[in-house]
């Protein structure tokens, strides 16, 4: 039962969801960064959804069919490299697209930080397997904390929720034997920084 719950939780808290979640947090933060020209709102969310979730996830059947991955979890360290490269390209495309729009630089900086996180994840993956889930959640916790401190905003509910979801996600990854505790901790640290 716990393993099924952990598996479900791993899907629900998947790292590809983090850019869209981050944009939602920024736009609902109550800070000036949340002010977005409503003409661009749907375009931004749709673009980020397509480039950071739909396209990378859509590549998974290709990886499985071509033999680049044995299963959907990319369990082996080397299986993760090509998907991370492709994800980085899609994240960069989303960043450059948003960069051209007249929106708060906070959105752009968050997407740039997401690209940097994928780049570090990719570089570390050549030598050591770390948790991409925790990189994503570390980034979300870092985003909420930064917004709270930089804009003096009361985001305690977001922060507590993000920390709890980070803990549940870490538990799920450990319960599924997908990572060791150090891989989980290092993943969170990379994302947070």
C-alpha atoms as a PDB file:
ATOM      1  CA  UNK A   1       0.000   0.000   0.000  1.00  0.00           C
ATOM      2  CA  UNK A   2       2.787   2.442   0.917  1.00  0.00           C
ATOM      3  CA  UNK A   3       4.646   1.624  -2.281  1.00  0.00           C
ATOM      4  CA  UNK A   4       1.565   2.311  -4.426  1.00  0.00           C
ATOM      5  CA  UNK A   5       1.057   5.608  -2.611  1.00  0.00           C
ATOM      6  CA  UNK A   6       4.733   6.462  -3.140  1.00  0.00           C
ATOM      7  CA  UNK A   7       4.444   5.671  -6.843  1.00  0.00           C
ATOM      8  CA  UNK A   8       1.322   7.829  -7.204  1.00  0.00           C
ATOM      9  CA  UNK A   9       2.973  10.647  -5.270  1.00  0.00           C
ATOM     10  CA  UNK A  10       6.028  10.474  -7.538  1.00  0.00           C
ATOM     11  CA  UNK A  11       3.800  11.049 -10.558  1.00  0.00           C
ATOM     12  CA  UNK A  12       1.797  13.842  -8.928  1.00  0.00           C
ATOM     13  CA  UNK A  13       4.936  15.680  -7.799  1.00  0.00           C
ATOM     14  CA  UNK A  14       6.905  15.088 -10.994  1.00  0.00           C
ATOM     15  CA  UNK A  15       9.728  17.558 -11.686  1.00  0.00           C
ATOM     16  CA  UNK A  16       8.334  18.481 -15.106  1.00  0.00           C
ATOM     17  CA  UNK A  17       5.412  20.133 -13.302  1.00  0.00           C
ATOM     18  CA  UNK A  18       7.654  22.542 -11.379  1.00  0.00           C
ATOM     19  CA  UNK A  19       7.966  25.373 -13.956  1.00  0.00           C
ATOM     20  CA  UNK A  20       4.183  25.683 -14.280  1.00  0.00           C
ATOM     21  CA  UNK A  21       3.813  25.435 -10.502  1.00  0.00           C
ATOM     22  CA  UNK A  22       6.460  28.123 -10.060  1.00  0.00           C
ATOM     23  CA  UNK A  23       4.635  30.470 -12.445  1.00  0.00           C
ATOM     24  CA  UNK A  24       1.407  29.879 -10.553  1.00  0.00           C
ATOM     25  CA  UNK A  25       3.132  30.695  -7.268  1.00  0.00           C
ATOM     26  CA  UNK A  26       4.669  33.890  -8.681  1.00  0.00           C
ATOM     27  CA  UNK A  27       1.394  35.062 -10.198  1.00  0.00           C
ATOM     28  CA  UNK A  28      -0.469  34.436  -6.932  1.00  0.00           C
ATOM     29  CA  UNK A  29       2.231  35.812  -4.625  1.00  0.00           C
ATOM     30  CA  UNK A  30       0.581  39.181  -4.099  1.00  0.00           C
ATOM     31  CA  UNK A  31       3.820  40.947  -5.066  1.00  0.00           C
ATOM     32  CA  UNK A  32       4.372  43.382  -7.903  1.00  0.00           C
ATOM     33  CA  UNK A  33       5.933  40.463  -9.775  1.00  0.00           C
ATOM     34  CA  UNK A  34       2.444  38.970  -9.932  1.00  0.00           C
ATOM     35  CA  UNK A  35       1.218  41.842 -12.086  1.00  0.00           C
ATOM     36  CA  UNK A  36       1.065  40.484 -15.576  1.00  0.00           C
ATOM     37  CA  UNK A  37      -0.523  41.967 -18.652  1.00  0.00           C
ATOM     38  CA  UNK A  38      -3.627  39.809 -19.027  1.00  0.00           C
ATOM     39  CA  UNK A  39      -3.121  39.684 -22.783  1.00  0.00           C
ATOM     40  CA  UNK A  40      -0.110  37.464 -22.142  1.00  0.00           C
ATOM     41  CA  UNK A  41      -1.320  35.382 -19.209  1.00  0.00           C
ATOM     42  CA  UNK A  42      -2.791  32.485 -21.172  1.00  0.00           C
ATOM     43  CA  UNK A  43       0.036  32.578 -23.697  1.00  0.00           C
ATOM     44  CA  UNK A  44       2.695  32.365 -20.983  1.00  0.00           C
ATOM     45  CA  UNK A  45       1.040  29.508 -19.134  1.00  0.00           C
ATOM     46  CA  UNK A  46       0.300  27.594 -22.319  1.00  0.00           C
ATOM     47  CA  UNK A  47       3.835  28.100 -23.664  1.00  0.00           C
ATOM     48  CA  UNK A  48       5.502  27.038 -20.431  1.00  0.00           C
ATOM     49  CA  UNK A  49       3.151  24.055 -20.133  1.00  0.00           C
ATOM     50  CA  UNK A  50       3.945  22.929 -23.684  1.00  0.00           C
ATOM     51  CA  UNK A  51       7.720  23.488 -23.530  1.00  0.00           C
ATOM     52  CA  UNK A  52       8.446  22.295 -19.998  1.00  0.00           C
ATOM     53  CA  UNK A  53       5.901  19.514 -19.545  1.00  0.00           C
ATOM     54  CA  UNK A  54       4.120  18.362 -22.676  1.00  0.00           C
ATOM     55  CA  UNK A  55       7.082  18.158 -25.076  1.00  0.00           C
ATOM     56  CA  UNK A  56       9.572  16.550 -22.642  1.00  0.00           C
ATOM     57  CA  UNK A  57       6.936  14.065 -21.435  1.00  0.00           C
ATOM     58  CA  UNK A  58       5.916  13.393 -25.023  1.00  0.00           C
ATOM     59  CA  UNK A  59       9.447  12.205 -25.751  1.00  0.00           C
ATOM     60  CA  UNK A  60       9.238   9.353 -23.218  1.00  0.00           C
ATOM     61  CA  UNK A  61       7.630   6.843 -25.641  1.00  0.00           C
ATOM     62  CA  UNK A  62      10.427   7.592 -28.120  1.00  0.00           C
ATOM     63  CA  UNK A  63      13.072   6.878 -25.455  1.00  0.00           C
ATOM     64  CA  UNK A  64      11.377   3.588 -24.569  1.00  0.00           C
ATOM     65  CA  UNK A  65      10.877   2.534 -28.189  1.00  0.00           C
ATOM     66  CA  UNK A  66      14.466   3.352 -29.183  1.00  0.00           C
ATOM     67  CA  UNK A  67      15.897   1.508 -26.189  1.00  0.00           C
ATOM     68  CA  UNK A  68      17.447   4.620 -24.657  1.00  0.00           C
ATOM     69  CA  UNK A  69      15.489   3.780 -21.505  1.00  0.00           C
ATOM     70  CA  UNK A  70      14.462   0.428 -20.059  1.00  0.00           C
ATOM     71  CA  UNK A  71      11.438   1.816 -18.252  1.00  0.00           C
ATOM     72  CA  UNK A  72       9.512   5.010 -17.675  1.00  0.00           C
ATOM     73  CA  UNK A  73      11.445   5.744 -14.465  1.00  0.00           C
ATOM     74  CA  UNK A  74      14.872   6.121 -16.152  1.00  0.00           C
ATOM     75  CA  UNK A  75      16.351   4.101 -13.307  1.00  0.00           C
ATOM     76  CA  UNK A  76      19.912   3.920 -14.599  1.00  0.00           C
ATOM     77  CA  UNK A  77      22.222   6.907 -14.325  1.00  0.00           C
ATOM     78  CA  UNK A  78      23.154   6.855 -18.026  1.00  0.00           C
ATOM     79  CA  UNK A  79      19.531   6.521 -19.183  1.00  0.00           C
ATOM     80  CA  UNK A  80      18.835   9.962 -17.777  1.00  0.00           C
ATOM     81  CA  UNK A  81      21.382  11.904 -19.842  1.00  0.00           C
ATOM     82  CA  UNK A  82      19.583  12.166 -23.192  1.00  0.00           C
ATOM     83  CA  UNK A  83      16.222  13.050 -21.589  1.00  0.00           C
ATOM     84  CA  UNK A  84      17.960  15.739 -19.508  1.00  0.00           C
ATOM     85  CA  UNK A  85      19.623  17.205 -22.620  1.00  0.00           C
ATOM     86  CA  UNK A  86      16.314  17.321 -24.460  1.00  0.00           C
ATOM     87  CA  UNK A  87      14.519  18.750 -21.439  1.00  0.00           C
ATOM     88  CA  UNK A  88      17.192  21.443 -21.172  1.00  0.00           C
ATOM     89  CA  UNK A  89      16.623  22.429 -24.804  1.00  0.00           C
ATOM     90  CA  UNK A  90      12.863  22.709 -24.231  1.00  0.00           C
ATOM     91  CA  UNK A  91      13.360  24.696 -20.996  1.00  0.00           C
ATOM     92  CA  UNK A  92      15.717  27.079 -22.807  1.00  0.00           C
ATOM     93  CA  UNK A  93      13.135  27.552 -25.562  1.00  0.00           C
ATOM     94  CA  UNK A  94      10.517  28.455 -22.940  1.00  0.00           C
ATOM     95  CA  UNK A  95      12.929  30.867 -21.273  1.00  0.00           C
ATOM     96  CA  UNK A  96      13.815  32.687 -24.514  1.00  0.00           C
ATOM     97  CA  UNK A  97      10.146  32.874 -25.469  1.00  0.00           C
ATOM     98  CA  UNK A  98       9.131  34.413 -22.122  1.00  0.00           C
ATOM     99  CA  UNK A  99      12.180  36.704 -22.148  1.00  0.00           C
ATOM    100  CA  UNK A 100      10.780  38.484 -25.197  1.00  0.00           C
ATOM    101  CA  UNK A 101       7.475  39.290 -23.490  1.00  0.00           C
ATOM    102  CA  UNK A 102       6.822  42.417 -21.428  1.00  0.00           C
ATOM    103  CA  UNK A 103       6.384  40.626 -18.102  1.00  0.00           C
ATOM    104  CA  UNK A 104       8.109  40.913 -14.745  1.00  0.00           C
ATOM    105  CA  UNK A 105      11.703  39.765 -14.784  1.00  0.00           C
ATOM    106  CA  UNK A 106      10.840  37.426 -11.902  1.00  0.00           C
ATOM    107  CA  UNK A 107       9.142  35.047 -14.357  1.00  0.00           C
ATOM    108  CA  UNK A 108      12.175  35.169 -16.621  1.00  0.00           C
ATOM    109  CA  UNK A 109      14.610  34.652 -13.747  1.00  0.00           C
ATOM    110  CA  UNK A 110      12.632  31.698 -12.457  1.00  0.00           C
ATOM    111  CA  UNK A 111      12.679  30.011 -15.871  1.00  0.00           C
ATOM    112  CA  UNK A 112      16.388  30.777 -16.210  1.00  0.00           C
ATOM    113  CA  UNK A 113      17.007  29.236 -12.784  1.00  0.00           C
ATOM    114  CA  UNK A 114      15.034  26.179 -13.934  1.00  0.00           C
ATOM    115  CA  UNK A 115      17.378  25.887 -16.926  1.00  0.00           C
ATOM    116  CA  UNK A 116      20.417  26.176 -14.662  1.00  0.00           C
ATOM    117  CA  UNK A 117      18.975  23.479 -12.381  1.00  0.00           C
ATOM    118  CA  UNK A 118      18.574  21.102 -15.336  1.00  0.00           C
ATOM    119  CA  UNK A 119      22.122  21.922 -16.442  1.00  0.00           C
ATOM    120  CA  UNK A 120      23.522  21.085 -12.984  1.00  0.00           C
ATOM    121  CA  UNK A 121      21.369  17.958 -12.830  1.00  0.00           C
ATOM    122  CA  UNK A 122      22.748  16.903 -16.190  1.00  0.00           C
ATOM    123  CA  UNK A 123      26.364  17.603 -15.229  1.00  0.00           C
ATOM    124  CA  UNK A 124      26.078  15.772 -11.909  1.00  0.00           C
ATOM    125  CA  UNK A 125      24.347  12.831 -13.617  1.00  0.00           C
ATOM    126  CA  UNK A 126      27.537  12.008 -15.498  1.00  0.00           C
ATOM    127  CA  UNK A 127      29.109  11.056 -12.178  1.00  0.00           C
ATOM    128  CA  UNK A 128      26.333  10.507  -9.657  1.00  0.00           C
ATOM    129  CA  UNK A 129      22.601   9.922  -9.722  1.00  0.00           C
ATOM    130  CA  UNK A 130      20.600  12.546  -7.826  1.00  0.00           C
ATOM    131  CA  UNK A 131      16.865  12.992  -7.465  1.00  0.00           C
ATOM    132  CA  UNK A 132      15.363  15.170 -10.205  1.00  0.00           C
ATOM    133  CA  UNK A 133      12.154  15.246  -8.159  1.00  0.00           C
ATOM    134  CA  UNK A 134      14.019  16.830  -5.280  1.00  0.00           C
ATOM    135  CA  UNK A 135      15.816  19.275  -7.573  1.00  0.00           C
ATOM    136  CA  UNK A 136      12.385  20.469  -8.672  1.00  0.00           C
ATOM    137  CA  UNK A 137      11.014  20.763  -5.160  1.00  0.00           C
ATOM    138  CA  UNK A 138      14.190  22.402  -3.897  1.00  0.00           C
ATOM    139  CA  UNK A 139      13.661  25.008  -6.610  1.00  0.00           C
ATOM    140  CA  UNK A 140      10.069  25.584  -5.524  1.00  0.00           C
ATOM    141  CA  UNK A 141      11.045  25.995  -1.864  1.00  0.00           C
ATOM    142  CA  UNK A 142      13.834  28.362  -2.933  1.00  0.00           C
ATOM    143  CA  UNK A 143      11.405  30.356  -5.086  1.00  0.00           C
ATOM    144  CA  UNK A 144       8.854  30.778  -2.296  1.00  0.00           C
ATOM    145  CA  UNK A 145      11.523  31.718   0.228  1.00  0.00           C
ATOM    146  CA  UNK A 146      13.090  34.226  -2.187  1.00  0.00           C
ATOM    147  CA  UNK A 147       9.749  35.838  -3.034  1.00  0.00           C
ATOM    148  CA  UNK A 148       8.914  36.056   0.644  1.00  0.00           C
ATOM    149  CA  UNK A 149      12.217  37.652   1.649  1.00  0.00           C
ATOM    150  CA  UNK A 150      12.797  39.874  -1.384  1.00  0.00           C
ATOM    151  CA  UNK A 151       9.302  41.325  -1.567  1.00  0.00           C
ATOM    152  CA  UNK A 152       8.480  41.086   2.133  1.00  0.00           C
ATOM    153  CA  UNK A 153       5.419  39.022   1.213  1.00  0.00           C
ATOM    154  CA  UNK A 154       3.519  36.731   3.546  1.00  0.00           C
ATOM    155  CA  UNK A 155       3.871  33.426   1.727  1.00  0.00           C
ATOM    156  CA  UNK A 156       3.973  31.211   4.810  1.00  0.00           C
ATOM    157  CA  UNK A 157       1.144  28.989   3.528  1.00  0.00           C
ATOM    158  CA  UNK A 158       3.017  28.412   0.261  1.00  0.00           C
ATOM    159  CA  UNK A 159       6.268  27.782   2.125  1.00  0.00           C
ATOM    160  CA  UNK A 160       4.775  25.269   4.555  1.00  0.00           C
ATOM    161  CA  UNK A 161       2.928  23.512   1.721  1.00  0.00           C
ATOM    162  CA  UNK A 162       6.084  23.357  -0.412  1.00  0.00           C
ATOM    163  CA  UNK A 163       8.138  21.978   2.477  1.00  0.00           C
ATOM    164  CA  UNK A 164       5.515  19.337   3.258  1.00  0.00           C
ATOM    165  CA  UNK A 165       5.262  18.278  -0.390  1.00  0.00           C
ATOM    166  CA  UNK A 166       9.059  18.174  -0.555  1.00  0.00           C
ATOM    167  CA  UNK A 167       9.118  15.842   2.434  1.00  0.00           C
ATOM    168  CA  UNK A 168       6.399  13.609   0.998  1.00  0.00           C
ATOM    169  CA  UNK A 169       8.193  13.495  -2.348  1.00  0.00           C
ATOM    170  CA  UNK A 170      11.495  12.610  -0.693  1.00  0.00           C
ATOM    171  CA  UNK A 171       9.731   9.869   1.259  1.00  0.00           C
ATOM    172  CA  UNK A 172       8.165   8.547  -1.952  1.00  0.00           C
ATOM    173  CA  UNK A 173      11.489   8.434  -3.774  1.00  0.00           C
ATOM    174  CA  UNK A 174      13.112   6.602  -0.881  1.00  0.00           C
ATOM    175  CA  UNK A 175      10.182   4.210  -0.450  1.00  0.00           C
ATOM    176  CA  UNK A 176      10.370   3.270  -4.141  1.00  0.00           C
ATOM    177  CA  UNK A 177      14.110   2.620  -3.769  1.00  0.00           C
ATOM    178  CA  UNK A 178      14.651   5.097  -6.588  1.00  0.00           C
ATOM    179  CA  UNK A 179      17.295   6.973  -4.589  1.00  0.00           C
ATOM    180  CA  UNK A 180      19.455   6.841  -1.512  1.00  0.00           C
ATOM    181  CA  UNK A 181      19.032   9.476   1.204  1.00  0.00           C
ATOM    182  CA  UNK A 182      22.150  11.317  -0.035  1.00  0.00           C
ATOM    183  CA  UNK A 183      20.764  11.461  -3.586  1.00  0.00           C
ATOM    184  CA  UNK A 184      17.570  12.979  -2.205  1.00  0.00           C
ATOM    185  CA  UNK A 185      19.418  15.531  -0.041  1.00  0.00           C
ATOM    186  CA  UNK A 186      21.803  16.524  -2.816  1.00  0.00           C
ATOM    187  CA  UNK A 187      18.911  16.891  -5.255  1.00  0.00           C
ATOM    188  CA  UNK A 188      17.103  19.237  -2.901  1.00  0.00           C
ATOM    189  CA  UNK A 189      20.255  21.278  -2.307  1.00  0.00           C
ATOM    190  CA  UNK A 190      20.937  21.687  -6.036  1.00  0.00           C
ATOM    191  CA  UNK A 191      17.367  22.837  -6.683  1.00  0.00           C
ATOM    192  CA  UNK A 192      17.279  25.136  -3.689  1.00  0.00           C
ATOM    193  CA  UNK A 193      20.515  26.872  -4.635  1.00  0.00           C
END
